[in-house]
PDB file of N, CA and C in Angstrom:
ATOM      1  N   MET A   1     -65.671-225.654  -4.230  1.00  0.00           N
ATOM      2  CA  MET A   1     -65.063-224.798  -3.220  1.00  0.00           C
ATOM      3  C   MET A   1     -63.596-225.193  -2.955  1.00  0.00           C
ATOM      4  N   SER A   2     -62.952-225.538  -4.055  1.00  0.00           N
ATOM      5  CA  SER A   2     -61.508-225.905  -3.885  1.00  0.00           C
ATOM      6  C   SER A   2     -60.629-224.738  -4.225  1.00  0.00           C
ATOM      7  N   LYS A   3     -61.202-223.584  -4.310  1.00  0.00           N
ATOM      8  CA  LYS A   3     -60.376-222.363  -4.572  1.00  0.00           C
ATOM      9  C   LYS A   3     -59.500-222.036  -3.396  1.00  0.00           C
ATOM     10  N   LYS A   4     -58.268-221.849  -3.593  1.00  0.00           N
ATOM     11  CA  LYS A   4     -57.345-221.575  -2.568  1.00  0.00           C
ATOM     12  C   LYS A   4     -57.197-220.041  -2.447  1.00  0.00           C
ATOM     13  N   ALA A   5     -57.272-219.575  -1.210  1.00  0.00           N
ATOM     14  CA  ALA A   5     -57.071-218.137  -0.876  1.00  0.00           C
ATOM     15  C   ALA A   5     -55.624-217.769  -1.298  1.00  0.00           C
ATOM     16  N   LYS A   6     -55.581-216.657  -1.959  1.00  0.00           N
ATOM     17  CA  LYS A   6     -54.251-216.154  -2.393  1.00  0.00           C
ATOM     18  C   LYS A   6     -53.963-214.790  -1.735  1.00  0.00           C
ATOM     19  N   GLY A   7     -52.836-214.624  -1.232  1.00  0.00           N
ATOM     20  CA  GLY A   7     -52.461-213.371  -0.617  1.00  0.00           C
ATOM     21  C   GLY A   7     -51.124-213.534   0.042  1.00  0.00           C
ATOM     22  N   VAL A   8     -50.795-212.540   0.814  1.00  0.00           N
ATOM     23  CA  VAL A   8     -49.454-212.547   1.483  1.00  0.00           C
ATOM     24  C   VAL A   8     -49.600-212.360   2.965  1.00  0.00           C
ATOM     25  N   ILE A   9     -48.987-213.154   3.714  1.00  0.00           N
ATOM     26  CA  ILE A   9     -48.957-212.981   5.162  1.00  0.00           C
ATOM     27  C   ILE A   9     -47.576-212.375   5.514  1.00  0.00           C
ATOM     28  N   SER A  10     -47.686-211.131   6.127  1.00  0.00           N
ATOM     29  CA  SER A  10     -46.459-210.565   6.617  1.00  0.00           C
ATOM     30  C   SER A  10     -46.432-210.651   8.128  1.00  0.00           C
ATOM     31  N   ASN A  11     -45.305-210.379   8.704  1.00  0.00           N
ATOM     32  CA  ASN A  11     -45.180-210.499  10.152  1.00  0.00           C
ATOM     33  C   ASN A  11     -44.233-209.526  10.755  1.00  0.00           C
ATOM     34  N   GLN A  12     -44.284-209.356  12.065  1.00  0.00           N
ATOM     35  CA  GLN A  12     -43.461-208.445  12.828  1.00  0.00           C
ATOM     36  C   GLN A  12     -42.515-209.183  13.777  1.00  0.00           C
ATOM     37  N   LEU A  13     -42.201-210.440  13.518  1.00  0.00           N
ATOM     38  CA  LEU A  13     -41.482-211.280  14.463  1.00  0.00           C
ATOM     39  C   LEU A  13     -40.058-210.696  14.642  1.00  0.00           C
ATOM     40  N   ARG A  14     -39.397-210.339  13.610  1.00  0.00           N
ATOM     41  CA  ARG A  14     -38.015-209.840  13.784  1.00  0.00           C
ATOM     42  C   ARG A  14     -38.015-208.609  14.667  1.00  0.00           C
ATOM     43  N   LYS A  15     -38.974-207.699  14.442  1.00  0.00           N
ATOM     44  CA  LYS A  15     -39.089-206.465  15.247  1.00  0.00           C
ATOM     45  C   LYS A  15     -39.339-206.812  16.712  1.00  0.00           C
ATOM     46  N   LYS A  16     -40.296-207.752  16.908  1.00  0.00           N
ATOM     47  CA  LYS A  16     -40.651-208.121  18.247  1.00  0.00           C
ATOM     48  C   LYS A  16     -39.489-208.830  18.966  1.00  0.00           C
ATOM     49  N   ARG A  17     -38.695-209.615  18.266  1.00  0.00           N
ATOM     50  CA  ARG A  17     -37.545-210.224  18.904  1.00  0.00           C
ATOM     51  C   ARG A  17     -36.574-209.183  19.372  1.00  0.00           C
ATOM     52  N   PHE A  18     -36.262-208.167  18.535  1.00  0.00           N
ATOM     53  CA  PHE A  18     -35.330-207.194  18.980  1.00  0.00           C
ATOM     54  C   PHE A  18     -35.879-206.276  20.086  1.00  0.00           C
ATOM     55  N   GLU A  19     -37.187-206.114  20.090  1.00  0.00           N
ATOM     56  CA  GLU A  19     -37.753-205.373  21.250  1.00  0.00           C
ATOM     57  C   GLU A  19     -37.728-206.176  22.581  1.00  0.00           C
ATOM     58  N   LYS A  20     -37.621-207.423  22.423  1.00  0.00           N
ATOM     59  CA  LYS A  20     -37.561-208.286  23.621  1.00  0.00           C
ATOM     60  C   LYS A  20     -36.125-208.691  23.940  1.00  0.00           C
ATOM     61  N   ASP A  21     -35.333-207.727  24.303  1.00  0.00           N
ATOM     62  CA  ASP A  21     -33.923-207.891  24.619  1.00  0.00           C
ATOM     63  C   ASP A  21     -33.107-208.595  23.569  1.00  0.00           C
ATOM     64  N   GLU A  22     -33.397-208.196  22.322  1.00  0.00           N
ATOM     65  CA  GLU A  22     -32.697-208.744  21.169  1.00  0.00           C
ATOM     66  C   GLU A  22     -32.595-210.245  21.239  1.00  0.00           C
ATOM     67  N   MET A  23     -33.768-210.810  21.431  1.00  0.00           N
ATOM     68  CA  MET A  23     -33.848-212.283  21.425  1.00  0.00           C
ATOM     69  C   MET A  23     -33.406-212.879  20.078  1.00  0.00           C
ATOM     70  N   THR A  24     -32.630-213.946  20.161  1.00  0.00           N
ATOM     71  CA  THR A  24     -32.172-214.597  18.911  1.00  0.00           C
ATOM     72  C   THR A  24     -33.291-215.520  18.331  1.00  0.00           C
ATOM     73  N   GLN A  25     -33.106-215.886  17.050  1.00  0.00           N
ATOM     74  CA  GLN A  25     -34.027-216.836  16.488  1.00  0.00           C
ATOM     75  C   GLN A  25     -33.946-218.174  17.216  1.00  0.00           C
ATOM     76  N   GLN A  26     -32.757-218.541  17.649  1.00  0.00           N
ATOM     77  CA  GLN A  26     -32.567-219.813  18.355  1.00  0.00           C
ATOM     78  C   GLN A  26     -33.278-219.766  19.740  1.00  0.00           C
ATOM     79  N   GLN A  27     -33.182-218.656  20.445  1.00  0.00           N
ATOM     80  CA  GLN A  27     -33.876-218.500  21.732  1.00  0.00           C
ATOM     81  C   GLN A  27     -35.370-218.621  21.557  1.00  0.00           C
ATOM     82  N   LEU A  28     -35.888-217.957  20.539  1.00  0.00           N
ATOM     83  CA  LEU A  28     -37.357-218.012  20.290  1.00  0.00           C
ATOM     84  C   LEU A  28     -37.773-219.392  19.883  1.00  0.00           C
ATOM     85  N   ALA A  29     -37.018-220.035  19.004  1.00  0.00           N
ATOM     86  CA  ALA A  29     -37.323-221.395  18.602  1.00  0.00           C
ATOM     87  C   ALA A  29     -37.375-222.336  19.812  1.00  0.00           C
ATOM     88  N   LYS A  30     -36.404-222.248  20.669  1.00  0.00           N
ATOM     89  CA  LYS A  30     -36.356-223.149  21.819  1.00  0.00           C
ATOM     90  C   LYS A  30     -37.545-222.852  22.775  1.00  0.00           C
ATOM     91  N   ALA A  31     -37.916-221.584  22.926  1.00  0.00           N
ATOM     92  CA  ALA A  31     -39.042-221.246  23.776  1.00  0.00           C
ATOM     93  C   ALA A  31     -40.372-221.796  23.311  1.00  0.00           C
ATOM     94  N   ILE A  32     -40.535-222.023  22.055  1.00  0.00           N
ATOM     95  CA  ILE A  32     -41.836-222.523  21.552  1.00  0.00           C
ATOM     96  C   ILE A  32     -41.735-223.918  20.979  1.00  0.00           C
ATOM     97  N   GLY A  33     -40.568-224.495  20.954  1.00  0.00           N
ATOM     98  CA  GLY A  33     -40.426-225.909  20.555  1.00  0.00           C
ATOM     99  C   GLY A  33     -40.340-226.159  19.049  1.00  0.00           C
ATOM    100  N   VAL A  34     -39.747-225.266  18.351  1.00  0.00           N
ATOM    101  CA  VAL A  34     -39.489-225.439  16.898  1.00  0.00           C
ATOM    102  C   VAL A  34     -38.015-225.247  16.584  1.00  0.00           C
ATOM    103  N   THR A  35     -37.668-225.399  15.367  1.00  0.00           N
ATOM    104  CA  THR A  35     -36.262-225.157  14.972  1.00  0.00           C
ATOM    105  C   THR A  35     -35.983-223.717  14.644  1.00  0.00           C
ATOM    106  N   ARG A  36     -34.756-223.333  14.703  1.00  0.00           N
ATOM    107  CA  ARG A  36     -34.321-221.963  14.341  1.00  0.00           C
ATOM    108  C   ARG A  36     -34.694-221.739  12.836  1.00  0.00           C
ATOM    109  N   GLN A  37     -34.569-222.766  12.030  1.00  0.00           N
ATOM    110  CA  GLN A  37     -34.862-222.667  10.597  1.00  0.00           C
ATOM    111  C   GLN A  37     -36.373-222.347  10.439  1.00  0.00           C
ATOM    112  N   THR A  38     -37.219-222.882  11.290  1.00  0.00           N
ATOM    113  CA  THR A  38     -38.681-222.587  11.182  1.00  0.00           C
ATOM    114  C   THR A  38     -38.858-221.095  11.448  1.00  0.00           C
ATOM    115  N   ILE A  39     -38.256-220.558  12.504  1.00  0.00           N
ATOM    116  CA  ILE A  39     -38.423-219.100  12.840  1.00  0.00           C
ATOM    117  C   ILE A  39     -37.887-218.279  11.684  1.00  0.00           C
ATOM    118  N   ALA A  40     -36.765-218.660  11.075  1.00  0.00           N
ATOM    119  CA  ALA A  40     -36.183-217.906   9.998  1.00  0.00           C
ATOM    120  C   ALA A  40     -37.151-217.889   8.784  1.00  0.00           C
ATOM    121  N   ALA A  41     -37.690-219.071   8.514  1.00  0.00           N
ATOM    122  CA  ALA A  41     -38.638-219.189   7.329  1.00  0.00           C
ATOM    123  C   ALA A  41     -39.895-218.411   7.585  1.00  0.00           C
ATOM    124  N   ILE A  42     -40.405-218.402   8.808  1.00  0.00           N
ATOM    125  CA  ILE A  42     -41.631-217.522   9.126  1.00  0.00           C
ATOM    126  C   ILE A  42     -41.306-216.087   8.959  1.00  0.00           C
ATOM    127  N   GLU A  43     -40.184-215.638   9.520  1.00  0.00           N
ATOM    128  CA  GLU A  43     -39.806-214.218   9.427  1.00  0.00           C
ATOM    129  C   GLU A  43     -39.582-213.837   7.973  1.00  0.00           C
ATOM    130  N   ALA A  44     -39.103-214.750   7.127  1.00  0.00           N
ATOM    131  CA  ALA A  44     -38.838-214.383   5.748  1.00  0.00           C
ATOM    132  C   ALA A  44     -40.089-214.471   4.862  1.00  0.00           C
ATOM    133  N   GLY A  45     -41.203-214.911   5.464  1.00  0.00           N
ATOM    134  CA  GLY A  45     -42.427-215.097   4.728  1.00  0.00           C
ATOM    135  C   GLY A  45     -42.481-216.304   3.807  1.00  0.00           C
ATOM    136  N   LYS A  46     -41.555-217.258   4.053  1.00  0.00           N
ATOM    137  CA  LYS A  46     -41.498-218.449   3.227  1.00  0.00           C
ATOM    138  C   LYS A  46     -42.383-219.533   3.790  1.00  0.00           C
ATOM    139  N   TYR A  47     -42.861-219.357   5.006  1.00  0.00           N
ATOM    140  CA  TYR A  47     -43.628-220.378   5.698  1.00  0.00           C
ATOM    141  C   TYR A  47     -44.638-219.751   6.572  1.00  0.00           C
ATOM    142  N   SER A  48     -45.840-220.211   6.565  1.00  0.00           N
ATOM    143  CA  SER A  48     -46.877-219.751   7.414  1.00  0.00           C
ATOM    144  C   SER A  48     -47.012-220.639   8.609  1.00  0.00           C
ATOM    145  N   PRO A  49     -46.994-220.106   9.845  1.00  0.00           N
ATOM    146  CA  PRO A  49     -46.990-220.911  11.039  1.00  0.00           C
ATOM    147  C   PRO A  49     -48.359-221.585  11.235  1.00  0.00           C
ATOM    148  N   SER A  50     -48.359-222.734  11.916  1.00  0.00           N
ATOM    149  CA  SER A  50     -49.622-223.371  12.299  1.00  0.00           C
ATOM    150  C   SER A  50     -50.254-222.408  13.397  1.00  0.00           C
ATOM    151  N   LEU A  51     -51.529-222.643  13.578  1.00  0.00           N
ATOM    152  CA  LEU A  51     -52.185-221.868  14.666  1.00  0.00           C
ATOM    153  C   LEU A  51     -51.547-222.057  15.974  1.00  0.00           C
ATOM    154  N   GLU A  52     -51.172-223.257  16.284  1.00  0.00           N
ATOM    155  CA  GLU A  52     -50.512-223.510  17.580  1.00  0.00           C
ATOM    156  C   GLU A  52     -49.239-222.662  17.699  1.00  0.00           C
ATOM    157  N   VAL A  53     -48.389-222.645  16.661  1.00  0.00           N
ATOM    158  CA  VAL A  53     -47.186-221.876  16.732  1.00  0.00           C
ATOM    159  C   VAL A  53     -47.519-220.381  16.812  1.00  0.00           C
ATOM    160  N   ALA A  54     -48.480-219.887  16.028  1.00  0.00           N
ATOM    161  CA  ALA A  54     -48.844-218.526  16.086  1.00  0.00           C
ATOM    162  C   ALA A  54     -49.326-218.093  17.439  1.00  0.00           C
ATOM    163  N   PHE A  55     -50.147-218.930  18.072  1.00  0.00           N
ATOM    164  CA  PHE A  55     -50.615-218.626  19.438  1.00  0.00           C
ATOM    165  C   PHE A  55     -49.404-218.622  20.471  1.00  0.00           C
ATOM    166  N   CYS A  56     -48.491-219.542  20.279  1.00  0.00           N
ATOM    167  CA  CYS A  56     -47.288-219.541  21.168  1.00  0.00           C
ATOM    168  C   CYS A  56     -46.501-218.233  21.009  1.00  0.00           C
ATOM    169  N   LEU A  57     -46.317-217.805  19.763  1.00  0.00           N
ATOM    170  CA  LEU A  57     -45.630-216.548  19.504  1.00  0.00           C
ATOM    171  C   LEU A  57     -46.354-215.383  20.141  1.00  0.00           C
ATOM    172  N   SER A  58     -47.672-215.414  20.039  1.00  0.00           N
ATOM    173  CA  SER A  58     -48.456-214.347  20.605  1.00  0.00           C
ATOM    174  C   SER A  58     -48.275-214.292  22.133  1.00  0.00           C
ATOM    175  N   ASP A  59     -48.223-215.482  22.784  1.00  0.00           N
ATOM    176  CA  ASP A  59     -47.936-215.542  24.162  1.00  0.00           C
ATOM    177  C   ASP A  59     -46.548-214.980  24.544  1.00  0.00           C
ATOM    178  N   ILE A  60     -45.569-215.477  23.790  1.00  0.00           N
ATOM    179  CA  ILE A  60     -44.153-215.049  24.093  1.00  0.00           C
ATOM    180  C   ILE A  60     -44.019-213.526  24.038  1.00  0.00           C
ATOM    181  N   PHE A  61     -44.622-212.878  23.053  1.00  0.00           N
ATOM    182  CA  PHE A  61     -44.516-211.444  22.902  1.00  0.00           C
ATOM    183  C   PHE A  61     -45.594-210.648  23.543  1.00  0.00           C
ATOM    184  N   ALA A  62     -46.562-211.335  24.194  1.00  0.00           N
ATOM    185  CA  ALA A  62     -47.678-210.691  24.812  1.00  0.00           C
ATOM    186  C   ALA A  62     -48.309-209.681  23.842  1.00  0.00           C
ATOM    187  N   SER A  63     -48.512-210.212  22.605  1.00  0.00           N
ATOM    188  CA  SER A  63     -49.107-209.326  21.535  1.00  0.00           C
ATOM    189  C   SER A  63     -50.269-210.086  20.878  1.00  0.00           C
ATOM    190  N   PRO A  64     -51.334-209.435  20.457  1.00  0.00           N
ATOM    191  CA  PRO A  64     -52.365-210.082  19.781  1.00  0.00           C
ATOM    192  C   PRO A  64     -51.909-210.590  18.412  1.00  0.00           C
ATOM    193  N   LEU A  65     -52.527-211.613  17.921  1.00  0.00           N
ATOM    194  CA  LEU A  65     -52.132-212.222  16.564  1.00  0.00           C
ATOM    195  C   LEU A  65     -52.099-211.139  15.530  1.00  0.00           C
ATOM    196  N   ASP A  66     -53.118-210.281  15.447  1.00  0.00           N
ATOM    197  CA  ASP A  66     -53.127-209.354  14.364  1.00  0.00           C
ATOM    198  C   ASP A  66     -52.069-208.218  14.471  1.00  0.00           C
ATOM    199  N   GLU A  67     -51.382-208.237  15.592  1.00  0.00           N
ATOM    200  CA  GLU A  67     -50.210-207.296  15.709  1.00  0.00           C
ATOM    201  C   GLU A  67     -48.962-208.014  15.217  1.00  0.00           C
ATOM    202  N   LEU A  68     -48.944-209.341  15.292  1.00  0.00           N
ATOM    203  CA  LEU A  68     -47.785-210.104  14.855  1.00  0.00           C
ATOM    204  C   LEU A  68     -47.890-210.475  13.410  1.00  0.00           C
ATOM    205  N   PHE A  69     -49.048-210.763  12.931  1.00  0.00           N
ATOM    206  CA  PHE A  69     -49.265-211.210  11.543  1.00  0.00           C
ATOM    207  C   PHE A  69     -50.335-210.376  10.809  1.00  0.00           C
ATOM    208  N   GLN A  70     -50.068-210.077   9.527  1.00  0.00           N
ATOM    209  CA  GLN A  70     -51.045-209.362   8.772  1.00  0.00           C
ATOM    210  C   GLN A  70     -51.268-210.108   7.437  1.00  0.00           C
ATOM    211  N   TRP A  71     -52.515-210.044   7.027  1.00  0.00           N
ATOM    212  CA  TRP A  71     -52.907-210.709   5.757  1.00  0.00           C
ATOM    213  C   TRP A  71     -53.311-209.629   4.708  1.00  0.00           C
ATOM    214  N   GLN A  72     -52.676-209.774   3.550  1.00  0.00           N
ATOM    215  CA  GLN A  72     -53.022-208.912   2.493  1.00  0.00           C
ATOM    216  C   GLN A  72     -53.440-209.739   1.246  1.00  0.00           C
ATOM    217  N   ALA A  73     -54.761-209.733   1.014  1.00  0.00           N
ATOM    218  CA  ALA A  73     -55.324-210.486  -0.118  1.00  0.00           C
ATOM    219  C   ALA A  73     -54.946-209.826  -1.433  1.00  0.00           C
ATOM    220  N   ASN A  74     -54.708-210.648  -2.469  1.00  0.00           N
ATOM    221  CA  ASN A  74     -54.483-210.129  -3.780  1.00  0.00           C
ATOM    222  C   ASN A  74     -55.791-209.528  -4.260  1.00  0.00           C
ATOM    223  N   ASP A  75     -55.807-208.241  -4.725  1.00  0.00           N
ATOM    224  CA  ASP A  75     -56.975-207.617  -5.218  1.00  0.00           C
ATOM    225  C   ASP A  75     -57.728-208.377  -6.299  1.00  0.00           C
ATOM    226  N   SER A  76     -56.946-208.936  -7.161  1.00  0.00           N
ATOM    227  CA  SER A  76     -57.555-209.593  -8.335  1.00  0.00           C
ATOM    228  C   SER A  76     -58.293-210.886  -7.899  1.00  0.00           C
ATOM    229  N   ASP A  77     -57.947-211.453  -6.792  1.00  0.00           N
ATOM    230  CA  ASP A  77     -58.581-212.701  -6.315  1.00  0.00           C
ATOM    231  C   ASP A  77     -59.879-212.377  -5.594  1.00  0.00           C
ATOM    232  N   THR A  78     -59.955-211.279  -4.964  1.00  0.00           N
ATOM    233  CA  THR A  78     -61.189-211.026  -4.146  1.00  0.00           C
ATOM    234  C   THR A  78     -62.467-210.862  -5.051  1.00  0.00           C
ATOM    235  N   SER A  79     -62.309-210.446  -6.236  1.00  0.00           N
ATOM    236  CA  SER A  79     -63.452-210.258  -7.125  1.00  0.00           C
ATOM    237  C   SER A  79     -64.000-211.590  -7.612  1.00  0.00           C
ATOM    238  N   LYS A  80     -63.245-212.669  -7.506  1.00  0.00           N
ATOM    239  CA  LYS A  80     -63.626-213.981  -7.987  1.00  0.00           C
ATOM    240  C   LYS A  80     -64.358-214.760  -6.926  1.00  0.00           C
ATOM    241  N   VAL A  81     -64.427-214.357  -5.702  1.00  0.00           N
ATOM    242  CA  VAL A  81     -65.038-215.084  -4.594  1.00  0.00           C
ATOM    243  C   VAL A  81     -66.542-214.938  -4.606  1.00  0.00           C
TER     244      VAL A  81
END
């Protein structure tokens, strides 16, 4: 059972920041206790947030997790499970 799930996590953080009075990455980072670089990496899809960070983001934007983050599995990988 060492197979690693493969897929893509997309997010709506940039959109949500702009909907919330054009909040900057720095303001968001400070509000949840991470660096601006962490927010930039999450928005760019280069880094997946921890559950703690994801729940903090959900609280900040008053949005459910599935509205902030979406998972798209690779079709070729689902047949091997």
